[in-house]
């Protein structure tokens, strides 16, 4: 994965998001199950849309999700 948010794949696994944010993967998973990190299950596996967790970095509409590092840090 690259150093820029735009270089990340559009859909991340919890492990990929943990690597990008420096958070533990269990913190990411807990944030997902508690609804603080927006994610969808695809074929039984969590997928996190990059543009929803990093809305300002990707030029997407800024929502109330915030960035994933801040969301995970609150867990």
Foldseek 3Di string as FASTA:
>chain_A
DDLALVPDDQKDFLVVLCVNLVHDSVLSVVCPVVVLADWDADPNGTIGGSCQQPVVRVVHDDDPSYHPNVSSVVD
